[in-house]
Amino acid sequence: MSFLDRQFIPPFSRRHVTVKHALLHTLYWVLIAAFFAYEKRYLIHKANLPYFLFCVIGRVIMLVAIAYLNIQYFLPKYLLRKQYLRYFLLVLLSVAGYMVAQSLFDYFLYGYVIGPMRNSNLMETMSYNFFSTIWYLALMVAVKLSIDWYELQNKPAETTEPLPEFTFVKSGTQKIKIIYSEVTHIEGLKDYAIAHTTANQKIVIKGSIKYMNEIFPEALFIRVHKSFIVAKDKIRQIEKNKIIINEHQIPIGRSYKEELGKHLLNNNFSITKLTE
C-alpha cells in the first residue's frame, strides 16, 4: 500500500480517511484561504484603523460560516438534488445575511461600512461586497465539486461478495430460519424484536434493536428510527415522515433522515415528502 493510500483517523473525527483525501481537502482550504486573502487585500491598507484585528476576524468567521453552510447543507440537500431555484435563493439569502451582519459589525466598530476604496460610498461598498462574496462562494463550490469528482474517478472498484440469503435467530427456546427477502421491517421492543414478513407473520426474536442492526445486512436493511429497521427494497411510499408498508406506518427518526435520504437519492426515489 502506498503512502497516499494509508488510512488514519483525523482529529475530532471518528471515520478513517486516506492520506490522499486529507491532502486534497487541506489543499482545498488553503486555496480558499489564499483567495480570501487576495480578494480582501484592501483591508491591509486599512491596518491603521482601530479594532483592525477584530474587523478581519469577524469577516473571516462570517465567511467561513456561510461557506460551511453552503458546502455542508445547501449543496448536498438542494443543488445535487437538482432543486436549483431553492438552492440559489438560499445562497442569495445567506449572502444578504452576511452583508447585513458585516455592515452592522462595521457600524458597531467604526460608525460606517468599510469599503475597498478610501472614499467608497455605501452603495459602492455594498455592491462590491455582494459580488465579491458571490464570486467567493462560486469558487468554493466549483473547487469542491472538482475534488469530489476527482475522488470518485479515482475510487478503487469495490469487490462485492454475495450477500447471505438468510440467518438463524433465537425465538423463545427455538432457533428459526429467517429469509431476508421475506422481511419487510423489524420493530424493536426493549430486549426483544418483532420481524414482520411479507406474509403478515410476526416473528419474535430475542435481542435488542441494536443487535438486529448487526445481524440484518446493512446492504439490505436500513435503520430509520431508534425502534425500527426497514428492508430497503420494501420502501415504496413515504408520507409525512412515515414509511408506509402495507397497513404499517413506520416513523422516520430525525437523526436517521440524512442517511435514509442518501439511500433514497442513490436509488432515484422521490424524497420531497421526506425533506418537508
C-alpha atoms as a PDB file:
ATOM      1  CA  MET A   1       0.000   0.000   0.000  1.00  0.00           C
ATOM      2  CA  SER A   2       1.384   3.403  -0.983  1.00  0.00           C
ATOM      3  CA  PHE A   3       1.747   6.264   1.492  1.00  0.00           C
ATOM      4  CA  LEU A   4      -1.112   8.213  -0.110  1.00  0.00           C
ATOM      5  CA  ASP A   5      -3.488   5.271   0.314  1.00  0.00           C
ATOM      6  CA  ARG A   6      -2.779   4.784   4.013  1.00  0.00           C
ATOM      7  CA  GLN A   7      -5.704   5.450   6.322  1.00  0.00           C
ATOM      8  CA  PHE A   8      -5.866   7.329   9.602  1.00  0.00           C
ATOM      9  CA  ILE A   9      -8.458   8.951  11.873  1.00  0.00           C
ATOM     10  CA  PRO A  10      -8.241  12.784  11.767  1.00  0.00           C
ATOM     11  CA  PRO A  11      -8.596  14.807  14.984  1.00  0.00           C
ATOM     12  CA  PHE A  12     -12.211  15.402  16.086  1.00  0.00           C
ATOM     13  CA  SER A  13     -13.411  12.657  13.714  1.00  0.00           C
ATOM     14  CA  ARG A  14     -14.436   9.025  14.027  1.00  0.00           C
ATOM     15  CA  ARG A  15     -14.040   7.862  10.451  1.00  0.00           C
ATOM     16  CA  HIS A  16     -10.979   6.659   8.594  1.00  0.00           C
ATOM     17  CA  VAL A  17      -9.707   8.704   5.655  1.00  0.00           C
ATOM     18  CA  THR A  18      -6.773   8.235   3.329  1.00  0.00           C
ATOM     19  CA  VAL A  19      -3.727  10.500   3.294  1.00  0.00           C
ATOM     20  CA  LYS A  20      -4.672  11.492  -0.274  1.00  0.00           C
ATOM     21  CA  HIS A  21      -8.153  12.540   0.856  1.00  0.00           C
ATOM     22  CA  ALA A  22      -6.723  14.612   3.717  1.00  0.00           C
ATOM     23  CA  LEU A  23      -4.158  16.313   1.450  1.00  0.00           C
ATOM     24  CA  LEU A  24      -6.787  17.167  -1.175  1.00  0.00           C
ATOM     25  CA  HIS A  25      -9.119  18.748   1.350  1.00  0.00           C
ATOM     26  CA  THR A  26      -6.267  20.545   3.092  1.00  0.00           C
ATOM     27  CA  LEU A  27      -5.230  21.974  -0.288  1.00  0.00           C
ATOM     28  CA  TYR A  28      -8.859  22.997  -0.847  1.00  0.00           C
ATOM     29  CA  TRP A  29      -8.992  25.121   2.306  1.00  0.00           C
ATOM     30  CA  VAL A  30      -5.520  26.553   1.647  1.00  0.00           C
ATOM     31  CA  LEU A  31      -6.661  27.692  -1.817  1.00  0.00           C
ATOM     32  CA  ILE A  32      -9.875  29.148  -0.406  1.00  0.00           C
ATOM     33  CA  ALA A  33      -7.973  30.976   2.349  1.00  0.00           C
ATOM     34  CA  ALA A  34      -5.435  32.301  -0.206  1.00  0.00           C
ATOM     35  CA  PHE A  35      -8.222  33.564  -2.451  1.00  0.00           C
ATOM     36  CA  PHE A  36      -9.926  35.227   0.504  1.00  0.00           C
ATOM     37  CA  ALA A  37      -6.656  36.932   1.492  1.00  0.00           C
ATOM     38  CA  TYR A  38      -6.146  38.145  -2.090  1.00  0.00           C
ATOM     39  CA  GLU A  39      -9.735  39.283  -2.586  1.00  0.00           C
ATOM     40  CA  LYS A  40      -9.760  41.144   0.757  1.00  0.00           C
ATOM     41  CA  ARG A  41      -6.261  42.575   0.354  1.00  0.00           C
ATOM     42  CA  TYR A  42      -7.689  46.107   0.522  1.00  0.00           C
ATOM     43  CA  LEU A  43      -8.039  45.570   4.267  1.00  0.00           C
ATOM     44  CA  ILE A  44      -4.227  45.570   4.573  1.00  0.00           C
ATOM     45  CA  HIS A  45      -4.208  49.242   3.607  1.00  0.00           C
ATOM     46  CA  LYS A  46      -6.600  49.940   6.456  1.00  0.00           C
ATOM     47  CA  ALA A  47      -4.470  48.257   9.127  1.00  0.00           C
ATOM     48  CA  ASN A  48      -4.063  51.550  10.957  1.00  0.00           C
ATOM     49  CA  LEU A  49      -7.765  51.555  11.833  1.00  0.00           C
ATOM     50  CA  PRO A  50      -8.668  50.864  15.455  1.00  0.00           C
ATOM     51  CA  TYR A  51     -10.014  47.358  16.165  1.00  0.00           C
ATOM     52  CA  PHE A  52      -8.491  46.201  12.874  1.00  0.00           C
ATOM     53  CA  LEU A  53      -7.874  42.671  14.149  1.00  0.00           C
ATOM     54  CA  PHE A  54     -11.484  42.315  15.314  1.00  0.00           C
ATOM     55  CA  CYS A  55     -12.667  43.607  11.932  1.00  0.00           C
ATOM     56  CA  VAL A  56     -10.699  40.973   9.984  1.00  0.00           C
ATOM     57  CA  ILE A  57     -11.503  38.114  12.367  1.00  0.00           C
ATOM     58  CA  GLY A  58     -15.206  38.982  12.219  1.00  0.00           C
ATOM     59  CA  ARG A  59     -15.207  38.878   8.416  1.00  0.00           C
ATOM     60  CA  VAL A  60     -13.319  35.562   8.338  1.00  0.00           C
ATOM     61  CA  ILE A  61     -15.703  33.924  10.826  1.00  0.00           C
ATOM     62  CA  MET A  62     -18.794  35.076   8.937  1.00  0.00           C
ATOM     63  CA  LEU A  63     -17.419  33.977   5.548  1.00  0.00           C
ATOM     64  CA  VAL A  64     -16.392  30.583   6.914  1.00  0.00           C
ATOM     65  CA  ALA A  65     -19.892  30.229   8.389  1.00  0.00           C
ATOM     66  CA  ILE A  66     -21.699  30.787   5.077  1.00  0.00           C
ATOM     67  CA  ALA A  67     -19.070  28.679   3.272  1.00  0.00           C
ATOM     68  CA  TYR A  68     -19.695  25.779   5.643  1.00  0.00           C
ATOM     69  CA  LEU A  69     -23.472  26.248   5.361  1.00  0.00           C
ATOM     70  CA  ASN A  70     -23.241  26.222   1.574  1.00  0.00           C
ATOM     71  CA  ILE A  71     -20.942  23.178   1.267  1.00  0.00           C
ATOM     72  CA  GLN A  72     -22.388  21.017   4.032  1.00  0.00           C
ATOM     73  CA  TYR A  73     -26.087  21.884   3.717  1.00  0.00           C
ATOM     74  CA  PHE A  74     -27.214  23.799   0.615  1.00  0.00           C
ATOM     75  CA  LEU A  75     -25.001  21.890  -1.834  1.00  0.00           C
ATOM     76  CA  PRO A  76     -25.955  18.277  -0.909  1.00  0.00           C
ATOM     77  CA  LYS A  77     -29.571  18.988   0.035  1.00  0.00           C
ATOM     78  CA  TYR A  78     -30.584  21.195  -2.895  1.00  0.00           C
ATOM     79  CA  LEU A  79     -28.026  21.598  -5.704  1.00  0.00           C
ATOM     80  CA  LEU A  80     -27.114  17.904  -6.006  1.00  0.00           C
ATOM     81  CA  ARG A  81     -30.815  17.040  -5.899  1.00  0.00           C
ATOM     82  CA  LYS A  82     -31.424  19.441  -8.813  1.00  0.00           C
ATOM     83  CA  GLN A  83     -33.513  21.870  -6.756  1.00  0.00           C
ATOM     84  CA  TYR A  84     -31.728  24.766  -8.433  1.00  0.00           C
ATOM     85  CA  LEU A  85     -34.150  27.600  -7.688  1.00  0.00           C
ATOM     86  CA  ARG A  86     -34.315  26.811  -3.984  1.00  0.00           C
ATOM     87  CA  TYR A  87     -30.532  26.453  -3.862  1.00  0.00           C
ATOM     88  CA  PHE A  88     -29.810  29.823  -5.467  1.00  0.00           C
ATOM     89  CA  LEU A  89     -32.448  31.591  -3.361  1.00  0.00           C
ATOM     90  CA  LEU A  90     -30.882  30.204  -0.181  1.00  0.00           C
ATOM     91  CA  VAL A  91     -27.401  31.221  -1.367  1.00  0.00           C
ATOM     92  CA  LEU A  92     -28.621  34.760  -2.050  1.00  0.00           C
ATOM     93  CA  LEU A  93     -30.300  34.880   1.364  1.00  0.00           C
ATOM     94  CA  SER A  94     -27.117  33.684   3.089  1.00  0.00           C
ATOM     95  CA  VAL A  95     -25.040  36.297   1.232  1.00  0.00           C
ATOM     96  CA  ALA A  96     -27.552  39.005   2.135  1.00  0.00           C
ATOM     97  CA  GLY A  97     -27.398  37.863   5.749  1.00  0.00           C
ATOM     98  CA  TYR A  98     -23.608  38.001   5.649  1.00  0.00           C
ATOM     99  CA  MET A  99     -23.656  41.525   4.218  1.00  0.00           C
ATOM    100  CA  VAL A 100     -26.112  42.763   6.843  1.00  0.00           C
ATOM    101  CA  ALA A 101     -24.086  41.184   9.651  1.00  0.00           C
ATOM    102  CA  GLN A 102     -20.813  42.581   8.259  1.00  0.00           C
ATOM    103  CA  SER A 103     -22.305  46.060   7.870  1.00  0.00           C
ATOM    104  CA  LEU A 104     -23.699  46.060  11.397  1.00  0.00           C
ATOM    105  CA  PHE A 105     -20.332  44.861  12.690  1.00  0.00           C
ATOM    106  CA  ASP A 106     -18.536  47.705  10.876  1.00  0.00           C
ATOM    107  CA  TYR A 107     -21.063  50.248  12.169  1.00  0.00           C
ATOM    108  CA  PHE A 108     -20.557  48.899  15.673  1.00  0.00           C
ATOM    109  CA  LEU A 109     -16.758  49.313  15.401  1.00  0.00           C
ATOM    110  CA  TYR A 110     -16.427  52.465  13.285  1.00  0.00           C
ATOM    111  CA  GLY A 111     -19.801  54.042  12.636  1.00  0.00           C
ATOM    112  CA  TYR A 112     -19.641  53.309   8.883  1.00  0.00           C
ATOM    113  CA  VAL A 113     -19.159  50.359   6.484  1.00  0.00           C
ATOM    114  CA  ILE A 114     -15.579  49.719   5.367  1.00  0.00           C
ATOM    115  CA  GLY A 115     -15.257  49.708   1.575  1.00  0.00           C
ATOM    116  CA  PRO A 116     -12.465  48.729  -0.820  1.00  0.00           C
ATOM    117  CA  MET A 117     -11.661  52.348  -1.719  1.00  0.00           C
ATOM    118  CA  ARG A 118     -10.840  55.282   0.559  1.00  0.00           C
ATOM    119  CA  ASN A 119     -13.907  57.299  -0.484  1.00  0.00           C
ATOM    120  CA  SER A 120     -16.363  54.482  -1.221  1.00  0.00           C
ATOM    121  CA  ASN A 121     -19.955  55.373  -0.531  1.00  0.00           C
ATOM    122  CA  LEU A 122     -22.432  52.918   0.977  1.00  0.00           C
ATOM    123  CA  MET A 123     -23.918  51.722  -2.352  1.00  0.00           C
ATOM    124  CA  GLU A 124     -20.478  51.094  -3.894  1.00  0.00           C
ATOM    125  CA  THR A 125     -19.350  49.238  -0.800  1.00  0.00           C
ATOM    126  CA  MET A 126     -22.477  47.042  -0.608  1.00  0.00           C
ATOM    127  CA  SER A 127     -22.312  46.290  -4.334  1.00  0.00           C
ATOM    128  CA  TYR A 128     -18.653  45.327  -4.100  1.00  0.00           C
ATOM    129  CA  ASN A 129     -19.218  43.126  -1.035  1.00  0.00           C
ATOM    130  CA  PHE A 130     -22.202  41.387  -2.649  1.00  0.00           C
ATOM    131  CA  PHE A 131     -20.498  40.407  -5.905  1.00  0.00           C
ATOM    132  CA  SER A 132     -17.177  39.518  -4.262  1.00  0.00           C
ATOM    133  CA  THR A 133     -18.982  37.199  -1.822  1.00  0.00           C
ATOM    134  CA  ILE A 134     -20.959  35.553  -4.651  1.00  0.00           C
ATOM    135  CA  TRP A 135     -17.698  35.026  -6.553  1.00  0.00           C
ATOM    136  CA  TYR A 136     -16.079  33.625  -3.427  1.00  0.00           C
ATOM    137  CA  LEU A 137     -18.891  31.081  -2.923  1.00  0.00           C
ATOM    138  CA  ALA A 138     -18.931  30.132  -6.618  1.00  0.00           C
ATOM    139  CA  LEU A 139     -15.221  29.364  -6.480  1.00  0.00           C
ATOM    140  CA  MET A 140     -15.668  27.218  -3.366  1.00  0.00           C
ATOM    141  CA  VAL A 141     -18.488  25.202  -4.940  1.00  0.00           C
ATOM    142  CA  ALA A 142     -16.563  24.697  -8.196  1.00  0.00           C
ATOM    143  CA  VAL A 143     -13.411  23.522  -6.429  1.00  0.00           C
ATOM    144  CA  LYS A 144     -15.386  21.283  -4.027  1.00  0.00           C
ATOM    145  CA  LEU A 145     -17.265  19.612  -6.894  1.00  0.00           C
ATOM    146  CA  SER A 146     -13.980  19.145  -8.763  1.00  0.00           C
ATOM    147  CA  ILE A 147     -12.397  17.439  -5.758  1.00  0.00           C
ATOM    148  CA  ASP A 148     -15.433  15.180  -5.288  1.00  0.00           C
ATOM    149  CA  TRP A 149     -15.376  14.276  -8.991  1.00  0.00           C
ATOM    150  CA  TYR A 150     -11.648  13.514  -8.860  1.00  0.00           C
ATOM    151  CA  GLU A 151     -12.049  11.278  -5.796  1.00  0.00           C
ATOM    152  CA  LEU A 152     -14.966   9.476  -7.427  1.00  0.00           C
ATOM    153  CA  GLN A 153     -12.990   8.842 -10.621  1.00  0.00           C
ATOM    154  CA  ASN A 154     -10.021   7.505  -8.658  1.00  0.00           C
ATOM    155  CA  LYS A 155     -12.002   5.425  -6.200  1.00  0.00           C
ATOM    156  CA  PRO A 156     -10.916   1.789  -6.461  1.00  0.00           C
ATOM    157  CA  ALA A 157     -13.559  -0.657  -7.564  1.00  0.00           C
ATOM    158  CA  GLU A 158     -15.064  -2.479  -4.633  1.00  0.00           C
ATOM    159  CA  THR A 159     -15.109  -6.236  -4.681  1.00  0.00           C
ATOM    160  CA  THR A 160     -18.577  -7.410  -3.832  1.00  0.00           C
ATOM    161  CA  GLU A 161     -19.205 -10.676  -2.074  1.00  0.00           C
ATOM    162  CA  PRO A 162     -22.524 -12.468  -2.440  1.00  0.00           C
ATOM    163  CA  LEU A 163     -24.923 -11.458   0.311  1.00  0.00           C
ATOM    164  CA  PRO A 164     -26.333 -14.126   2.631  1.00  0.00           C
ATOM    165  CA  GLU A 165     -29.945 -15.017   1.945  1.00  0.00           C
ATOM    166  CA  PHE A 166     -30.953 -15.994   5.455  1.00  0.00           C
ATOM    167  CA  THR A 167     -29.934 -16.176   9.098  1.00  0.00           C
ATOM    168  CA  PHE A 168     -30.880 -18.197  12.165  1.00  0.00           C
ATOM    169  CA  VAL A 169     -32.287 -16.337  15.147  1.00  0.00           C
ATOM    170  CA  LYS A 170     -33.396 -17.315  18.626  1.00  0.00           C
ATOM    171  CA  SER A 171     -37.138 -17.155  19.129  1.00  0.00           C
ATOM    172  CA  GLY A 172     -38.212 -18.391  22.547  1.00  0.00           C
ATOM    173  CA  THR A 173     -36.475 -21.718  23.087  1.00  0.00           C
ATOM    174  CA  GLN A 174     -36.019 -22.381  19.368  1.00  0.00           C
ATOM    175  CA  LYS A 175     -33.699 -21.260  16.614  1.00  0.00           C
ATOM    176  CA  ILE A 176     -35.586 -20.452  13.465  1.00  0.00           C
ATOM    177  CA  LYS A 177     -34.546 -19.565   9.949  1.00  0.00           C
ATOM    178  CA  ILE A 178     -35.382 -16.096   8.640  1.00  0.00           C
ATOM    179  CA  ILE A 179     -35.115 -15.378   4.918  1.00  0.00           C
ATOM    180  CA  TYR A 180     -34.071 -11.740   4.450  1.00  0.00           C
ATOM    181  CA  SER A 181     -36.142 -11.183   1.306  1.00  0.00           C
ATOM    182  CA  GLU A 182     -39.328 -12.067   3.213  1.00  0.00           C
ATOM    183  CA  VAL A 183     -38.814  -9.457   5.957  1.00  0.00           C
ATOM    184  CA  THR A 184     -40.427  -6.037   5.492  1.00  0.00           C
ATOM    185  CA  HIS A 185     -39.317  -4.378   8.726  1.00  0.00           C
ATOM    186  CA  ILE A 186     -38.163  -5.054  12.287  1.00  0.00           C
ATOM    187  CA  GLU A 187     -39.679  -3.413  15.334  1.00  0.00           C
ATOM    188  CA  GLY A 188     -37.582  -3.141  18.487  1.00  0.00           C
ATOM    189  CA  LEU A 189     -39.210  -3.589  21.915  1.00  0.00           C
ATOM    190  CA  LYS A 190     -36.645  -3.353  24.739  1.00  0.00           C
ATOM    191  CA  ASP A 191     -34.840  -6.725  24.916  1.00  0.00           C
ATOM    192  CA  TYR A 192     -36.632  -8.386  22.003  1.00  0.00           C
ATOM    193  CA  ALA A 193     -37.799  -7.504  18.492  1.00  0.00           C
ATOM    194  CA  ILE A 194     -40.563  -8.417  16.078  1.00  0.00           C
ATOM    195  CA  ALA A 195     -39.739  -9.189  12.457  1.00  0.00           C
ATOM    196  CA  HIS A 196     -42.680  -8.502  10.133  1.00  0.00           C
ATOM    197  CA  THR A 197     -42.800 -10.526   6.919  1.00  0.00           C
ATOM    198  CA  THR A 198     -44.432 -10.229   3.511  1.00  0.00           C
ATOM    199  CA  ALA A 199     -46.861 -12.975   4.575  1.00  0.00           C
ATOM    200  CA  ASN A 200     -48.020 -10.763   7.506  1.00  0.00           C
ATOM    201  CA  GLN A 201     -46.282 -13.012  10.001  1.00  0.00           C
ATOM    202  CA  LYS A 202     -44.758 -11.673  13.210  1.00  0.00           C
ATOM    203  CA  ILE A 203     -41.612 -13.421  14.372  1.00  0.00           C
ATOM    204  CA  VAL A 204     -40.471 -12.627  17.905  1.00  0.00           C
ATOM    205  CA  ILE A 205     -36.672 -12.510  18.130  1.00  0.00           C
ATOM    206  CA  LYS A 206     -34.626 -12.312  21.303  1.00  0.00           C
ATOM    207  CA  GLY A 207     -32.296  -9.309  21.267  1.00  0.00           C
ATOM    208  CA  SER A 208     -32.298  -5.518  21.169  1.00  0.00           C
ATOM    209  CA  ILE A 209     -32.795  -3.358  18.088  1.00  0.00           C
ATOM    210  CA  LYS A 210     -29.043  -2.718  18.139  1.00  0.00           C
ATOM    211  CA  TYR A 211     -28.450  -6.462  17.841  1.00  0.00           C
ATOM    212  CA  MET A 212     -30.967  -6.647  14.979  1.00  0.00           C
ATOM    213  CA  ASN A 213     -28.995  -3.929  13.220  1.00  0.00           C
ATOM    214  CA  GLU A 214     -25.944  -6.191  13.389  1.00  0.00           C
ATOM    215  CA  ILE A 215     -27.483  -9.446  12.157  1.00  0.00           C
ATOM    216  CA  PHE A 216     -29.589  -7.978   9.336  1.00  0.00           C
ATOM    217  CA  PRO A 217     -27.189  -6.946   6.496  1.00  0.00           C
ATOM    218  CA  GLU A 218     -26.636  -3.215   6.006  1.00  0.00           C
ATOM    219  CA  ALA A 219     -26.809  -3.744   2.247  1.00  0.00           C
ATOM    220  CA  LEU A 220     -30.413  -4.936   2.561  1.00  0.00           C
ATOM    221  CA  PHE A 221     -31.762  -3.100   5.608  1.00  0.00           C
ATOM    222  CA  ILE A 222     -31.587   0.432   6.943  1.00  0.00           C
ATOM    223  CA  ARG A 223     -32.388   1.817  10.368  1.00  0.00           C
ATOM    224  CA  VAL A 224     -34.926   4.636  10.140  1.00  0.00           C
ATOM    225  CA  HIS A 225     -35.846   5.119  13.801  1.00  0.00           C
ATOM    226  CA  LYS A 226     -34.485   4.197  17.217  1.00  0.00           C
ATOM    227  CA  SER A 227     -37.062   1.368  17.248  1.00  0.00           C
ATOM    228  CA  PHE A 228     -37.385   0.421  13.561  1.00  0.00           C
ATOM    229  CA  ILE A 229     -35.299  -1.159  10.795  1.00  0.00           C
ATOM    230  CA  VAL A 230     -36.748  -1.386   7.272  1.00  0.00           C
ATOM    231  CA  ALA A 231     -35.896  -3.554   4.273  1.00  0.00           C
ATOM    232  CA  LYS A 232     -34.560  -1.187   1.623  1.00  0.00           C
ATOM    233  CA  ASP A 233     -36.362  -2.845  -1.271  1.00  0.00           C
ATOM    234  CA  LYS A 234     -39.695  -2.649   0.560  1.00  0.00           C
ATOM    235  CA  ILE A 235     -39.690   1.164   0.703  1.00  0.00           C
ATOM    236  CA  ARG A 236     -42.340   2.216  -1.789  1.00  0.00           C
ATOM    237  CA  GLN A 237     -44.206   5.101  -0.192  1.00  0.00           C
ATOM    238  CA  ILE A 238     -43.350   7.899   2.249  1.00  0.00           C
ATOM    239  CA  GLU A 239     -45.972  10.249   3.696  1.00  0.00           C
ATOM    240  CA  LYS A 240     -45.366  12.932   6.322  1.00  0.00           C
ATOM    241  CA  ASN A 241     -42.134  11.407   7.628  1.00  0.00           C
ATOM    242  CA  LYS A 242     -43.578   7.902   7.760  1.00  0.00           C
ATOM    243  CA  ILE A 243     -42.775   4.889   5.602  1.00  0.00           C
ATOM    244  CA  ILE A 244     -45.926   3.074   4.511  1.00  0.00           C
ATOM    245  CA  ILE A 245     -45.593  -0.712   4.150  1.00  0.00           C
ATOM    246  CA  ASN A 246     -48.969  -2.397   3.721  1.00  0.00           C
ATOM    247  CA  GLU A 247     -51.005  -1.349   6.775  1.00  0.00           C
ATOM    248  CA  HIS A 248     -47.919  -0.393   8.775  1.00  0.00           C
ATOM    249  CA  GLN A 249     -46.816   3.221   9.254  1.00  0.00           C
ATOM    250  CA  ILE A 250     -43.174   3.318  10.298  1.00  0.00           C
ATOM    251  CA  PRO A 251     -41.924   6.635  11.738  1.00  0.00           C
ATOM    252  CA  ILE A 252     -38.699   8.190  10.498  1.00  0.00           C
ATOM    253  CA  GLY A 253     -36.495   9.472  13.312  1.00  0.00           C
ATOM    254  CA  ARG A 254     -34.931  12.906  12.917  1.00  0.00           C
ATOM    255  CA  SER A 255     -31.383  11.621  13.401  1.00  0.00           C
ATOM    256  CA  TYR A 256     -31.888   8.956  10.697  1.00  0.00           C
ATOM    257  CA  LYS A 257     -33.318  11.227   7.979  1.00  0.00           C
ATOM    258  CA  GLU A 258     -29.993  12.132   6.392  1.00  0.00           C
ATOM    259  CA  GLU A 259     -28.827   8.525   5.931  1.00  0.00           C
ATOM    260  CA  LEU A 260     -32.243   7.480   4.618  1.00  0.00           C
ATOM    261  CA  GLY A 261     -32.264  10.455   2.260  1.00  0.00           C
ATOM    262  CA  LYS A 262     -28.891   9.422   0.808  1.00  0.00           C
ATOM    263  CA  HIS A 263     -30.157   5.893   0.189  1.00  0.00           C
ATOM    264  CA  LEU A 264     -33.335   7.128  -1.492  1.00  0.00           C
ATOM    265  CA  LEU A 265     -31.414   9.647  -3.595  1.00  0.00           C
ATOM    266  CA  ASN A 266     -28.982   6.956  -4.789  1.00  0.00           C
ATOM    267  CA  ASN A 267     -31.953   4.847  -5.852  1.00  0.00           C
ATOM    268  CA  ASN A 268     -33.768   7.673  -7.673  1.00  0.00           C
ATOM    269  CA  PHE A 269     -36.585   7.725  -5.126  1.00  0.00           C
ATOM    270  CA  SER A 270     -38.529  10.978  -4.762  1.00  0.00           C
ATOM    271  CA  ILE A 271     -37.722  12.430  -1.351  1.00  0.00           C
ATOM    272  CA  THR A 272     -39.895  15.538  -1.429  1.00  0.00           C
ATOM    273  CA  LYS A 273     -42.050  14.295   1.420  1.00  0.00           C
ATOM    274  CA  LEU A 274     -39.026  13.331   3.485  1.00  0.00           C
ATOM    275  CA  THR A 275     -37.490  16.817   3.382  1.00  0.00           C
ATOM    276  CA  GLU A 276     -40.628  18.787   4.172  1.00  0.00           C
END
